[in-house]
C-alpha atoms as a PDB file:
ATOM      1  CA  MET A   1       0.000   0.000   0.000  1.00  0.00           C
ATOM      2  CA  GLY A   2       1.206   3.499  -0.715  1.00  0.00           C
ATOM      3  CA  ASP A   3      -0.778   5.576   1.784  1.00  0.00           C
ATOM      4  CA  GLY A   4       2.138   6.021   4.179  1.00  0.00           C
ATOM      5  CA  LEU A   5       0.545   4.726   7.386  1.00  0.00           C
ATOM      6  CA  LEU A   6       2.864   1.733   7.629  1.00  0.00           C
ATOM      7  CA  ASN A   7       5.940   3.961   7.491  1.00  0.00           C
ATOM      8  CA  GLU A   8       4.466   6.178  10.214  1.00  0.00           C
ATOM      9  CA  VAL A   9       3.795   3.098  12.338  1.00  0.00           C
ATOM     10  CA  LEU A  10       7.378   1.875  11.891  1.00  0.00           C
ATOM     11  CA  GLN A  11       8.644   5.316  12.928  1.00  0.00           C
ATOM     12  CA  GLY A  12       6.416   5.291  16.007  1.00  0.00           C
ATOM     13  CA  THR A  13       4.437   8.374  14.982  1.00  0.00           C
ATOM     14  CA  SER A  14       1.118   6.586  14.319  1.00  0.00           C
ATOM     15  CA  PHE A  15      -0.776   3.779  15.994  1.00  0.00           C
ATOM     16  CA  ALA A  16      -1.393   0.475  14.236  1.00  0.00           C
ATOM     17  CA  LEU A  17      -4.643  -1.295  15.046  1.00  0.00           C
ATOM     18  CA  PHE A  18      -4.603  -4.997  14.255  1.00  0.00           C
ATOM     19  CA  ASP A  19      -7.537  -7.373  14.413  1.00  0.00           C
ATOM     20  CA  GLY A  20      -8.531  -9.785  17.161  1.00  0.00           C
ATOM     21  CA  ALA A  21      -8.739 -13.553  17.374  1.00  0.00           C
ATOM     22  CA  MET A  22      -9.342 -15.702  14.324  1.00  0.00           C
ATOM     23  CA  GLY A  23      -9.805 -18.925  16.299  1.00  0.00           C
ATOM     24  CA  SER A  24     -12.534 -17.504  18.530  1.00  0.00           C
ATOM     25  CA  MET A  25     -14.419 -16.315  15.477  1.00  0.00           C
ATOM     26  CA  LEU A  26     -14.099 -19.692  13.783  1.00  0.00           C
ATOM     27  CA  VAL A  27     -15.488 -21.405  16.880  1.00  0.00           C
ATOM     28  CA  ARG A  28     -18.409 -18.964  16.878  1.00  0.00           C
ATOM     29  CA  GLU A  29     -19.101 -19.866  13.243  1.00  0.00           C
ATOM     30  CA  GLY A  30     -18.825 -23.595  13.956  1.00  0.00           C
ATOM     31  CA  LEU A  31     -15.808 -23.894  11.659  1.00  0.00           C
ATOM     32  CA  ALA A  32     -13.025 -24.925  14.029  1.00  0.00           C
ATOM     33  CA  ALA A  33     -13.579 -28.645  14.476  1.00  0.00           C
ATOM     34  CA  GLY A  34     -12.166 -31.447  12.386  1.00  0.00           C
ATOM     35  CA  GLU A  35     -10.097 -29.457   9.913  1.00  0.00           C
ATOM     36  CA  LEU A  36      -6.899 -27.457   9.755  1.00  0.00           C
ATOM     37  CA  PRO A  37      -8.258 -23.900  10.017  1.00  0.00           C
ATOM     38  CA  GLU A  38      -5.827 -22.708   7.336  1.00  0.00           C
ATOM     39  CA  LEU A  39      -7.552 -24.936   4.772  1.00  0.00           C
ATOM     40  CA  LEU A  40     -10.695 -22.847   5.176  1.00  0.00           C
ATOM     41  CA  CYS A  41      -8.974 -20.145   3.103  1.00  0.00           C
ATOM     42  CA  LEU A  42      -9.303 -22.579   0.200  1.00  0.00           C
ATOM     43  CA  ASN A  43     -12.478 -24.460   1.108  1.00  0.00           C
ATOM     44  CA  GLN A  44     -14.653 -21.692   2.556  1.00  0.00           C
ATOM     45  CA  PRO A  45     -12.986 -18.415   1.606  1.00  0.00           C
ATOM     46  CA  GLN A  46     -16.227 -16.454   1.931  1.00  0.00           C
ATOM     47  CA  LYS A  47     -16.356 -17.312   5.642  1.00  0.00           C
ATOM     48  CA  ILE A  48     -12.773 -16.173   6.259  1.00  0.00           C
ATOM     49  CA  THR A  49     -13.321 -13.033   4.195  1.00  0.00           C
ATOM     50  CA  ALA A  50     -16.426 -12.210   6.255  1.00  0.00           C
ATOM     51  CA  ILE A  51     -14.408 -12.457   9.493  1.00  0.00           C
ATOM     52  CA  HIS A  52     -11.750 -10.140   8.083  1.00  0.00           C
ATOM     53  CA  ALA A  53     -14.443  -7.716   6.920  1.00  0.00           C
ATOM     54  CA  ALA A  54     -15.994  -7.634  10.389  1.00  0.00           C
ATOM     55  CA  TYR A  55     -12.651  -6.612  11.876  1.00  0.00           C
ATOM     56  CA  VAL A  56     -12.098  -3.978   9.187  1.00  0.00           C
ATOM     57  CA  GLU A  57     -15.547  -2.539   9.890  1.00  0.00           C
ATOM     58  CA  ALA A  58     -14.619  -2.400  13.585  1.00  0.00           C
ATOM     59  CA  GLY A  59     -11.510  -0.330  12.829  1.00  0.00           C
ATOM     60  CA  SER A  60      -8.679  -2.764  12.064  1.00  0.00           C
ATOM     61  CA  GLN A  61      -6.124  -1.228   9.719  1.00  0.00           C
ATOM     62  CA  PHE A  62      -3.942  -4.337   9.734  1.00  0.00           C
ATOM     63  CA  VAL A  63      -5.549  -7.715   9.046  1.00  0.00           C
ATOM     64  CA  THR A  64      -3.738 -10.915   9.956  1.00  0.00           C
ATOM     65  CA  THR A  65      -4.017 -13.802   7.517  1.00  0.00           C
ATOM     66  CA  ASN A  66      -5.474 -17.142   8.542  1.00  0.00           C
ATOM     67  CA  THR A  67      -2.071 -18.851   8.203  1.00  0.00           C
ATOM     68  CA  PHE A  68      -0.971 -19.362  11.819  1.00  0.00           C
ATOM     69  CA  GLY A  69      -0.126 -23.040  11.251  1.00  0.00           C
ATOM     70  CA  ALA A  70       0.517 -22.930   7.509  1.00  0.00           C
ATOM     71  CA  ASN A  71       3.912 -24.609   7.509  1.00  0.00           C
ATOM     72  CA  SER A  72       4.539 -27.740   5.479  1.00  0.00           C
ATOM     73  CA  ARG A  73       5.114 -29.835   8.604  1.00  0.00           C
ATOM     74  CA  LYS A  74       1.633 -29.099   9.959  1.00  0.00           C
ATOM     75  CA  LEU A  75      -0.081 -29.140   6.586  1.00  0.00           C
ATOM     76  CA  ALA A  76       1.403 -32.594   5.951  1.00  0.00           C
ATOM     77  CA  GLY A  77       0.456 -32.600   2.286  1.00  0.00           C
ATOM     78  CA  ALA A  78      -3.121 -31.399   2.768  1.00  0.00           C
ATOM     79  CA  SER A  79      -2.224 -28.349   0.704  1.00  0.00           C
ATOM     80  CA  SER A  80       0.853 -26.448  -0.365  1.00  0.00           C
ATOM     81  CA  VAL A  81       2.211 -23.522   1.617  1.00  0.00           C
ATOM     82  CA  ASP A  82       2.071 -21.362  -1.515  1.00  0.00           C
ATOM     83  CA  ASP A  83      -1.596 -22.114  -2.149  1.00  0.00           C
ATOM     84  CA  ILE A  84      -2.602 -21.435   1.440  1.00  0.00           C
ATOM     85  CA  TYR A  85      -0.842 -18.059   1.593  1.00  0.00           C
ATOM     86  CA  ALA A  86      -2.170 -17.008  -1.804  1.00  0.00           C
ATOM     87  CA  ALA A  87      -5.728 -17.821  -0.745  1.00  0.00           C
ATOM     88  CA  ALA A  88      -5.281 -16.293   2.716  1.00  0.00           C
ATOM     89  CA  VAL A  89      -3.926 -12.985   1.418  1.00  0.00           C
ATOM     90  CA  LYS A  90      -6.784 -12.823  -1.086  1.00  0.00           C
ATOM     91  CA  CYS A  91      -9.314 -13.369   1.712  1.00  0.00           C
ATOM     92  CA  ALA A  92      -7.786 -10.498   3.671  1.00  0.00           C
ATOM     93  CA  ARG A  93      -7.765  -8.201   0.626  1.00  0.00           C
ATOM     94  CA  ASP A  94     -11.338  -9.130  -0.230  1.00  0.00           C
ATOM     95  CA  GLY A  95     -12.277  -8.312   3.366  1.00  0.00           C
ATOM     96  CA  GLY A  96     -11.091  -4.738   2.838  1.00  0.00           C
ATOM     97  CA  ALA A  97      -7.743  -4.881   4.617  1.00  0.00           C
ATOM     98  CA  ARG A  98      -5.722  -1.689   4.416  1.00  0.00           C
ATOM     99  CA  TYR A  99      -2.607  -3.740   5.174  1.00  0.00           C
ATOM    100  CA  VAL A 100      -2.258  -7.525   5.116  1.00  0.00           C
ATOM    101  CA  ALA A 101      -0.001  -9.084   7.745  1.00  0.00           C
ATOM    102  CA  ALA A 102       1.068 -12.606   6.799  1.00  0.00           C
ATOM    103  CA  ASP A 103       0.830 -14.682   9.959  1.00  0.00           C
ATOM    104  CA  ILE A 104       3.522 -17.187  10.974  1.00  0.00           C
ATOM    105  CA  GLY A 105       3.093 -19.200  14.162  1.00  0.00           C
ATOM    106  CA  PRO A 106       5.213 -21.846  15.900  1.00  0.00           C
ATOM    107  CA  ILE A 107       6.052 -24.944  13.903  1.00  0.00           C
ATOM    108  CA  GLY A 108       4.518 -27.327  16.387  1.00  0.00           C
ATOM    109  CA  GLY A 109       7.529 -29.174  17.780  1.00  0.00           C
ATOM    110  CA  LEU A 110      10.299 -28.569  20.300  1.00  0.00           C
ATOM    111  CA  MET A 111      13.706 -27.470  19.101  1.00  0.00           C
ATOM    112  CA  PHE A 112      16.778 -29.663  19.535  1.00  0.00           C
ATOM    113  CA  PRO A 113      18.000 -30.828  22.064  1.00  0.00           C
ATOM    114  CA  MET A 114      14.619 -30.780  23.876  1.00  0.00           C
ATOM    115  CA  GLY A 115      12.913 -32.054  20.748  1.00  0.00           C
ATOM    116  CA  ASP A 116      13.751 -33.348  17.298  1.00  0.00           C
ATOM    117  CA  LEU A 117      13.408 -30.076  15.369  1.00  0.00           C
ATOM    118  CA  THR A 118      16.801 -28.756  14.283  1.00  0.00           C
ATOM    119  CA  PHE A 119      17.572 -25.100  13.680  1.00  0.00           C
ATOM    120  CA  SER A 120      18.091 -25.749   9.967  1.00  0.00           C
ATOM    121  CA  GLN A 121      14.744 -27.502   9.651  1.00  0.00           C
ATOM    122  CA  ALA A 122      12.962 -24.663  11.436  1.00  0.00           C
ATOM    123  CA  TYR A 123      14.712 -22.058   9.301  1.00  0.00           C
ATOM    124  CA  ASP A 124      13.762 -23.846   6.079  1.00  0.00           C
ATOM    125  CA  LEU A 125      10.099 -24.147   7.102  1.00  0.00           C
ATOM    126  CA  PHE A 126       9.883 -20.460   8.000  1.00  0.00           C
ATOM    127  CA  PHE A 127      11.752 -19.454   4.834  1.00  0.00           C
ATOM    128  CA  GLU A 128       9.180 -21.305   2.728  1.00  0.00           C
ATOM    129  CA  GLN A 129       6.342 -19.470   4.503  1.00  0.00           C
ATOM    130  CA  ALA A 130       7.964 -16.067   4.113  1.00  0.00           C
ATOM    131  CA  ARG A 131       8.552 -16.602   0.391  1.00  0.00           C
ATOM    132  CA  ALA A 132       4.929 -17.654  -0.010  1.00  0.00           C
ATOM    133  CA  ALA A 133       3.763 -14.557   1.887  1.00  0.00           C
ATOM    134  CA  ARG A 134       5.903 -12.318  -0.299  1.00  0.00           C
ATOM    135  CA  ASP A 135       4.707 -13.923  -3.514  1.00  0.00           C
ATOM    136  CA  ALA A 136       1.081 -13.658  -2.360  1.00  0.00           C
ATOM    137  CA  GLY A 137       1.450  -9.888  -1.959  1.00  0.00           C
ATOM    138  CA  ALA A 138       1.424  -9.460   1.822  1.00  0.00           C
ATOM    139  CA  ASP A 139       2.468  -6.055   3.175  1.00  0.00           C
ATOM    140  CA  LEU A 140       4.334  -7.371   6.230  1.00  0.00           C
ATOM    141  CA  VAL A 141       4.981 -10.545   8.196  1.00  0.00           C
ATOM    142  CA  ILE A 142       3.946 -11.068  11.793  1.00  0.00           C
ATOM    143  CA  ILE A 143       5.618 -13.918  13.697  1.00  0.00           C
ATOM    144  CA  GLU A 144       3.499 -14.570  16.770  1.00  0.00           C
ATOM    145  CA  THR A 145       2.873 -16.701  19.856  1.00  0.00           C
ATOM    146  CA  MET A 146       6.471 -17.873  20.104  1.00  0.00           C
ATOM    147  CA  ALA A 147       7.669 -19.281  23.426  1.00  0.00           C
ATOM    148  CA  ASP A 148      11.159 -20.384  22.365  1.00  0.00           C
ATOM    149  CA  LEU A 149      13.740 -17.678  21.656  1.00  0.00           C
ATOM    150  CA  LEU A 150      15.686 -20.107  19.458  1.00  0.00           C
ATOM    151  CA  GLU A 151      12.648 -20.834  17.291  1.00  0.00           C
ATOM    152  CA  MET A 152      11.861 -17.121  17.140  1.00  0.00           C
ATOM    153  CA  SER A 153      15.434 -16.423  16.038  1.00  0.00           C
ATOM    154  CA  ALA A 154      15.125 -19.022  13.264  1.00  0.00           C
ATOM    155  CA  ALA A 155      11.859 -17.432  12.129  1.00  0.00           C
ATOM    156  CA  VAL A 156      13.180 -13.856  12.090  1.00  0.00           C
ATOM    157  CA  LEU A 157      16.355 -14.793  10.231  1.00  0.00           C
ATOM    158  CA  ALA A 158      14.410 -16.845   7.689  1.00  0.00           C
ATOM    159  CA  VAL A 159      11.866 -14.105   7.031  1.00  0.00           C
ATOM    160  CA  LYS A 160      14.519 -11.410   6.662  1.00  0.00           C
ATOM    161  CA  ASP A 161      16.484 -13.635   4.273  1.00  0.00           C
ATOM    162  CA  ALA A 162      13.414 -14.607   2.251  1.00  0.00           C
ATOM    163  CA  CYS A 163      11.927 -11.172   1.653  1.00  0.00           C
ATOM    164  CA  SER A 164      12.192  -7.464   2.367  1.00  0.00           C
ATOM    165  CA  LEU A 165       8.820  -7.132   4.084  1.00  0.00           C
ATOM    166  CA  PRO A 166       8.680  -5.513   7.547  1.00  0.00           C
ATOM    167  CA  VAL A 167       8.913  -8.085  10.339  1.00  0.00           C
ATOM    168  CA  PHE A 168       6.743  -7.870  13.460  1.00  0.00           C
ATOM    169  CA  ALA A 169       7.476 -10.401  16.209  1.00  0.00           C
ATOM    170  CA  THR A 170       5.615 -11.309  19.395  1.00  0.00           C
ATOM    171  CA  MET A 171       6.247 -13.859  22.110  1.00  0.00           C
ATOM    172  CA  THR A 172       3.847 -15.365  24.619  1.00  0.00           C
ATOM    173  CA  PHE A 173       4.464 -15.466  28.372  1.00  0.00           C
ATOM    174  CA  THR A 174       3.070 -17.436  31.299  1.00  0.00           C
ATOM    175  CA  GLU A 175       1.808 -16.091  34.624  1.00  0.00           C
ATOM    176  CA  THR A 176       5.421 -16.260  35.870  1.00  0.00           C
ATOM    177  CA  GLY A 177       6.403 -13.431  33.515  1.00  0.00           C
ATOM    178  CA  ARG A 178       8.514 -15.809  31.421  1.00  0.00           C
ATOM    179  CA  THR A 179       7.770 -18.021  28.446  1.00  0.00           C
ATOM    180  CA  PHE A 180       7.215 -21.690  29.247  1.00  0.00           C
ATOM    181  CA  LEU A 181      10.854 -22.272  28.246  1.00  0.00           C
ATOM    182  CA  GLY A 182      12.031 -19.559  30.642  1.00  0.00           C
ATOM    183  CA  THR A 183      12.726 -16.591  28.353  1.00  0.00           C
ATOM    184  CA  THR A 184      12.302 -13.243  30.098  1.00  0.00           C
ATOM    185  CA  PRO A 185      10.719 -10.203  28.415  1.00  0.00           C
ATOM    186  CA  ASN A 186      14.074  -8.454  28.696  1.00  0.00           C
ATOM    187  CA  SER A 187      15.958 -11.233  26.891  1.00  0.00           C
ATOM    188  CA  ALA A 188      13.270 -11.525  24.220  1.00  0.00           C
ATOM    189  CA  ALA A 189      13.241  -7.785  23.522  1.00  0.00           C
ATOM    190  CA  LEU A 190      17.035  -7.502  23.475  1.00  0.00           C
ATOM    191  CA  ALA A 191      17.456 -10.445  21.099  1.00  0.00           C
ATOM    192  CA  LEU A 192      14.749  -9.168  18.768  1.00  0.00           C
ATOM    193  CA  ALA A 193      16.201  -5.665  18.849  1.00  0.00           C
ATOM    194  CA  MET A 194      19.613  -7.040  17.875  1.00  0.00           C
ATOM    195  CA  LEU A 195      17.945  -9.017  15.066  1.00  0.00           C
ATOM    196  CA  GLU A 196      16.499  -5.682  13.893  1.00  0.00           C
ATOM    197  CA  VAL A 197      12.825  -6.586  13.728  1.00  0.00           C
ATOM    198  CA  ASP A 198      10.525  -3.705  12.851  1.00  0.00           C
ATOM    199  CA  ALA A 199       8.200  -4.142  15.848  1.00  0.00           C
ATOM    200  CA  LEU A 200       8.231  -6.477  18.831  1.00  0.00           C
ATOM    201  CA  GLY A 201       6.066  -7.346  21.764  1.00  0.00           C
ATOM    202  CA  VAL A 202       3.646  -9.815  23.274  1.00  0.00           C
ATOM    203  CA  ASN A 203       0.494 -11.627  22.228  1.00  0.00           C
ATOM    204  CA  CYS A 204      -1.821 -14.212  23.763  1.00  0.00           C
ATOM    205  CA  SER A 205      -0.543 -15.108  27.260  1.00  0.00           C
ATOM    206  CA  ALA A 206      -3.185 -13.492  29.504  1.00  0.00           C
ATOM    207  CA  GLY A 207      -5.361 -10.425  29.883  1.00  0.00           C
ATOM    208  CA  PRO A 208      -3.900  -6.941  29.489  1.00  0.00           C
ATOM    209  CA  GLU A 209      -3.563  -6.203  33.205  1.00  0.00           C
ATOM    210  CA  ASP A 210      -1.434  -9.320  33.731  1.00  0.00           C
ATOM    211  CA  LEU A 211       0.733  -8.432  30.730  1.00  0.00           C
ATOM    212  CA  GLN A 212       1.525  -4.896  31.840  1.00  0.00           C
ATOM    213  CA  PRO A 213       4.776  -5.801  33.699  1.00  0.00           C
ATOM    214  CA  VAL A 214       5.939  -7.807  30.661  1.00  0.00           C
ATOM    215  CA  VAL A 215       5.212  -4.914  28.319  1.00  0.00           C
ATOM    216  CA  GLU A 216       6.905  -2.378  30.591  1.00  0.00           C
ATOM    217  CA  GLU A 217      10.064  -4.512  30.591  1.00  0.00           C
ATOM    218  CA  MET A 218      10.009  -4.677  26.792  1.00  0.00           C
ATOM    219  CA  LEU A 219       9.353  -0.955  26.411  1.00  0.00           C
ATOM    220  CA  ALA A 220      12.441  -0.203  28.484  1.00  0.00           C
ATOM    221  CA  VAL A 221      14.794  -1.871  25.991  1.00  0.00           C
ATOM    222  CA  SER A 222      12.977  -1.612  22.661  1.00  0.00           C
ATOM    223  CA  THR A 223      13.967   0.996  20.087  1.00  0.00           C
ATOM    224  CA  CYS A 224      11.179  -0.062  17.710  1.00  0.00           C
ATOM    225  CA  PRO A 225       7.379  -0.007  18.145  1.00  0.00           C
ATOM    226  CA  VAL A 226       6.016  -2.330  20.846  1.00  0.00           C
ATOM    227  CA  ILE A 227       3.052  -4.624  20.220  1.00  0.00           C
ATOM    228  CA  VAL A 228       0.307  -5.625  22.679  1.00  0.00           C
ATOM    229  CA  GLN A 229      -2.252  -8.231  21.614  1.00  0.00           C
ATOM    230  CA  ALA A 230      -3.627  -9.695  24.828  1.00  0.00           C
ATOM    231  CA  ASN A 231      -6.334 -12.237  25.518  1.00  0.00           C
ATOM    232  CA  ALA A 232      -9.769 -11.162  26.721  1.00  0.00           C
ATOM    233  CA  GLY A 233      -8.811 -12.054  30.274  1.00  0.00           C
ATOM    234  CA  LEU A 234      -8.285 -15.531  31.671  1.00  0.00           C
ATOM    235  CA  PRO A 235     -10.368 -18.316  30.121  1.00  0.00           C
ATOM    236  CA  GLN A 236     -12.964 -20.184  32.136  1.00  0.00           C
ATOM    237  CA  VAL A 237     -14.980 -23.278  31.247  1.00  0.00           C
ATOM    238  CA  VAL A 238     -18.723 -22.671  31.567  1.00  0.00           C
ATOM    239  CA  ASN A 239     -21.166 -25.416  30.573  1.00  0.00           C
ATOM    240  CA  GLY A 240     -18.387 -27.191  28.728  1.00  0.00           C
ATOM    241  CA  GLN A 241     -17.390 -24.134  26.705  1.00  0.00           C
ATOM    242  CA  THR A 242     -14.363 -21.862  27.052  1.00  0.00           C
ATOM    243  CA  VAL A 243     -15.358 -18.273  27.789  1.00  0.00           C
ATOM    244  CA  TYR A 244     -13.340 -15.150  28.493  1.00  0.00           C
ATOM    245  CA  THR A 245     -14.284 -12.864  31.331  1.00  0.00           C
ATOM    246  CA  LEU A 246     -13.148  -9.412  30.203  1.00  0.00           C
ATOM    247  CA  ALA A 247     -15.718  -7.287  28.377  1.00  0.00           C
ATOM    248  CA  PRO A 248     -14.643  -5.154  25.391  1.00  0.00           C
ATOM    249  CA  GLU A 249     -14.699  -1.815  27.243  1.00  0.00           C
ATOM    250  CA  GLU A 250     -12.839  -3.324  30.186  1.00  0.00           C
ATOM    251  CA  TYR A 251     -10.262  -4.732  27.808  1.00  0.00           C
ATOM    252  CA  ALA A 252      -9.693  -1.389  26.106  1.00  0.00           C
ATOM    253  CA  GLN A 253      -9.403   0.448  29.429  1.00  0.00           C
ATOM    254  CA  ALA A 254      -6.879  -2.108  30.699  1.00  0.00           C
ATOM    255  CA  VAL A 255      -4.685  -1.508  27.645  1.00  0.00           C
ATOM    256  CA  ILE A 256      -4.537   2.273  28.208  1.00  0.00           C
ATOM    257  CA  PRO A 257      -1.625   2.210  30.724  1.00  0.00           C
ATOM    258  CA  MET A 258       0.506   0.350  28.183  1.00  0.00           C
ATOM    259  CA  ILE A 259      -0.466   2.809  25.449  1.00  0.00           C
ATOM    260  CA  GLU A 260       0.498   5.679  27.745  1.00  0.00           C
ATOM    261  CA  GLY A 261       3.766   3.848  28.458  1.00  0.00           C
ATOM    262  CA  GLY A 262       4.605   3.719  24.771  1.00  0.00           C
ATOM    263  CA  ALA A 263       2.952   0.673  23.162  1.00  0.00           C
ATOM    264  CA  SER A 264       1.754   1.707  19.715  1.00  0.00           C
ATOM    265  CA  VAL A 265       0.754  -1.511  17.902  1.00  0.00           C
ATOM    266  CA  LEU A 266      -2.469  -2.829  19.390  1.00  0.00           C
ATOM    267  CA  GLY A 267      -4.942  -5.629  18.778  1.00  0.00           C
ATOM    268  CA  GLY A 268      -6.391  -8.690  20.434  1.00  0.00           C
ATOM    269  CA  CYS A 269      -5.817 -12.404  20.793  1.00  0.00           C
ATOM    270  CA  CYS A 270      -7.826 -15.302  22.240  1.00  0.00           C
ATOM    271  CA  GLY A 271     -11.390 -14.400  23.167  1.00  0.00           C
ATOM    272  CA  THR A 272     -11.399 -11.037  21.419  1.00  0.00           C
ATOM    273  CA  ASP A 273     -13.732 -10.244  18.528  1.00  0.00           C
ATOM    274  CA  PRO A 274     -14.686  -7.141  16.532  1.00  0.00           C
ATOM    275  CA  SER A 275     -16.358  -5.538  19.553  1.00  0.00           C
ATOM    276  CA  TYR A 276     -12.972  -5.472  21.333  1.00  0.00           C
ATOM    277  CA  ILE A 277     -11.298  -3.889  18.317  1.00  0.00           C
ATOM    278  CA  ARG A 278     -14.073  -1.301  18.117  1.00  0.00           C
ATOM    279  CA  ALA A 279     -13.452  -0.399  21.764  1.00  0.00           C
ATOM    280  CA  LEU A 280      -9.697  -0.142  21.151  1.00  0.00           C
ATOM    281  CA  SER A 281     -10.298   2.000  18.078  1.00  0.00           C
ATOM    282  CA  ALA A 282     -12.290   4.463  20.169  1.00  0.00           C
ATOM    283  CA  VAL A 283      -9.456   4.657  22.721  1.00  0.00           C
ATOM    284  CA  LEU A 284      -6.804   5.255  20.064  1.00  0.00           C
ATOM    285  CA  ALA A 285      -8.878   7.922  18.327  1.00  0.00           C
ATOM    286  CA  ARG A 286      -8.429  10.163  21.369  1.00  0.00           C
ATOM    287  CA  ARG A 287      -4.667   9.719  21.680  1.00  0.00           C
ATOM    288  CA  GLU A 288      -1.304  10.141  19.992  1.00  0.00           C
ATOM    289  CA  PRO A 289       1.574   7.659  20.378  1.00  0.00           C
ATOM    290  CA  THR A 290       3.824   8.352  23.354  1.00  0.00           C
ATOM    291  CA  ASP A 291       7.231   9.647  22.318  1.00  0.00           C
ATOM    292  CA  ARG A 292       9.758   7.093  23.580  1.00  0.00           C
ATOM    293  CA  GLN A 293      13.490   7.767  23.589  1.00  0.00           C
ATOM    294  CA  VAL A 294      15.489   4.534  23.920  1.00  0.00           C
ATOM    295  CA  ASN A 295      19.176   4.841  23.118  1.00  0.00           C
ATOM    296  CA  THR A 296      20.419   2.241  20.638  1.00  0.00           C
ATOM    297  CA  THR A 297      23.875   2.227  22.199  1.00  0.00           C
ATOM    298  CA  ARG A 298      22.358   1.617  25.613  1.00  0.00           C
ATOM    299  CA  VAL A 299      20.351  -1.313  24.261  1.00  0.00           C
ATOM    300  CA  ARG A 300      23.498  -2.876  22.803  1.00  0.00           C
ATOM    301  CA  GLU A 301      25.240  -2.438  26.156  1.00  0.00           C
ATOM    302  CA  LEU A 302      22.342  -4.167  27.927  1.00  0.00           C
ATOM    303  CA  ALA A 303      22.467  -6.987  25.359  1.00  0.00           C
ATOM    304  CA  ARG A 304      26.156  -7.519  26.116  1.00  0.00           C
ATOM    305  CA  VAL A 305      25.358  -7.737  29.820  1.00  0.00           C
ATOM    306  CA  ALA A 306      22.582 -10.256  29.119  1.00  0.00           C
ATOM    307  CA  ALA A 307      24.967 -12.281  26.943  1.00  0.00           C
ATOM    308  CA  ASP A 308      27.281 -12.755  29.909  1.00  0.00           C
ATOM    309  CA  ASP A 309      24.633 -14.621  31.914  1.00  0.00           C
ATOM    310  CA  ASP A 310      24.246 -18.390  32.012  1.00  0.00           C
ATOM    311  CA  GLY A 311      21.721 -20.331  29.966  1.00  0.00           C
ATOM    312  CA  ARG A 312      20.662 -20.846  26.379  1.00  0.00           C
ATOM    313  CA  ASP A 313      19.024 -17.450  25.919  1.00  0.00           C
ATOM    314  CA  ALA A 314      22.255 -15.715  26.936  1.00  0.00           C
ATOM    315  CA  GLN A 315      24.130 -17.860  24.399  1.00  0.00           C
ATOM    316  CA  ILE A 316      21.634 -16.901  21.677  1.00  0.00           C
ATOM    317  CA  ILE A 317      21.991 -13.196  22.455  1.00  0.00           C
ATOM    318  CA  ALA A 318      25.775 -13.532  22.453  1.00  0.00           C
ATOM    319  CA  MET A 319      25.749 -15.170  19.016  1.00  0.00           C
ATOM    320  CA  ILE A 320      23.493 -12.449  17.656  1.00  0.00           C
ATOM    321  CA  ILE A 321      25.667  -9.561  18.838  1.00  0.00           C
ATOM    322  CA  GLU A 322      28.986 -11.247  18.034  1.00  0.00           C
ATOM    323  CA  ASN A 323      28.121 -11.884  14.367  1.00  0.00           C
ATOM    324  CA  GLU A 324      27.626  -9.068  11.889  1.00  0.00           C
ATOM    325  CA  SER A 325      25.407 -10.614   9.211  1.00  0.00           C
ATOM    326  CA  SER A 326      22.281 -12.739   9.324  1.00  0.00           C
ATOM    327  CA  GLU A 327      24.181 -15.512   7.550  1.00  0.00           C
ATOM    328  CA  GLN A 328      26.874 -15.496  10.231  1.00  0.00           C
ATOM    329  CA  ILE A 329      24.257 -15.536  12.995  1.00  0.00           C
ATOM    330  CA  LYS A 330      22.452 -18.411  11.307  1.00  0.00           C
ATOM    331  CA  GLU A 331      25.638 -20.453  10.919  1.00  0.00           C
ATOM    332  CA  ALA A 332      26.607 -19.850  14.544  1.00  0.00           C
ATOM    333  CA  LEU A 333      23.208 -21.008  15.755  1.00  0.00           C
ATOM    334  CA  ILE A 334      23.318 -24.049  13.466  1.00  0.00           C
ATOM    335  CA  ASP A 335      26.738 -25.020  14.786  1.00  0.00           C
ATOM    336  CA  GLU A 336      25.490 -24.787  18.369  1.00  0.00           C
ATOM    337  CA  TYR A 337      21.977 -26.193  18.079  1.00  0.00           C
ATOM    338  CA  GLU A 338      22.012 -28.920  15.423  1.00  0.00           C
END
């Protein structure tokens, strides 16, 4: 798109309003059971387009494609990655998207040595998705719901090598304030900053109030726009169905402190629907992005401190800052984690 909003978002001078949950909407439409949801872009495109259109009508400027699990490992021959992304981007365009964000989620297996997924395999899978997103005409790529900093690193490197689209990246955290593999918000933000993503932050995880400490930690060390796409509170099972307890207005009000702190890319995750995006849109209409001044040199200094700690995340950060090119970073990570 040539209207300039994306550039303003990347510079931190304009807000970006994404959409909310796709999965929750599919459940509402009775479309989630018994099929890979990505295949619906091919089999029932009118349904996916209608969901996108509902979010656009609610105020979403950025629409996320229905491609969260569209890697060849998960698809397992049910369709090609290229066909899924082509259909998914078309659904988003047909739904009126101002910008189409090609969605990439976790591969669905643990990385070596905890699992059998090697760094090279992960990189190749993500590279294939990014190329498909580029060829389908997406405006940017959003890598989301990552819990493993190594897998996230493979995804970012692959996307940046495969195309020149802006890269947004979000990780998901538990109630402990860390991912389930132990990554802290500080380590995640520092690694992603050193990998030069265009925006970083958090999605899924919990409701906005519970995510505020995580977001504040990321804001402190991020030189790029910070993303918040929370759940509609904590899920509860009522009469055998999963429901979320936070109403749209409550959700939007709970996000305000993070907006005032500097978060400028907003949206929703599990349990949110167009009514949540409409409430967020109303909040953003009355505000301007907070001017954040985070010194790049200071961030690099903090990354060097983090690299001196023990553990795998410290090793990953060290490899990122010690190697100048993405190819060198990739080779270092392959040598260590194959």
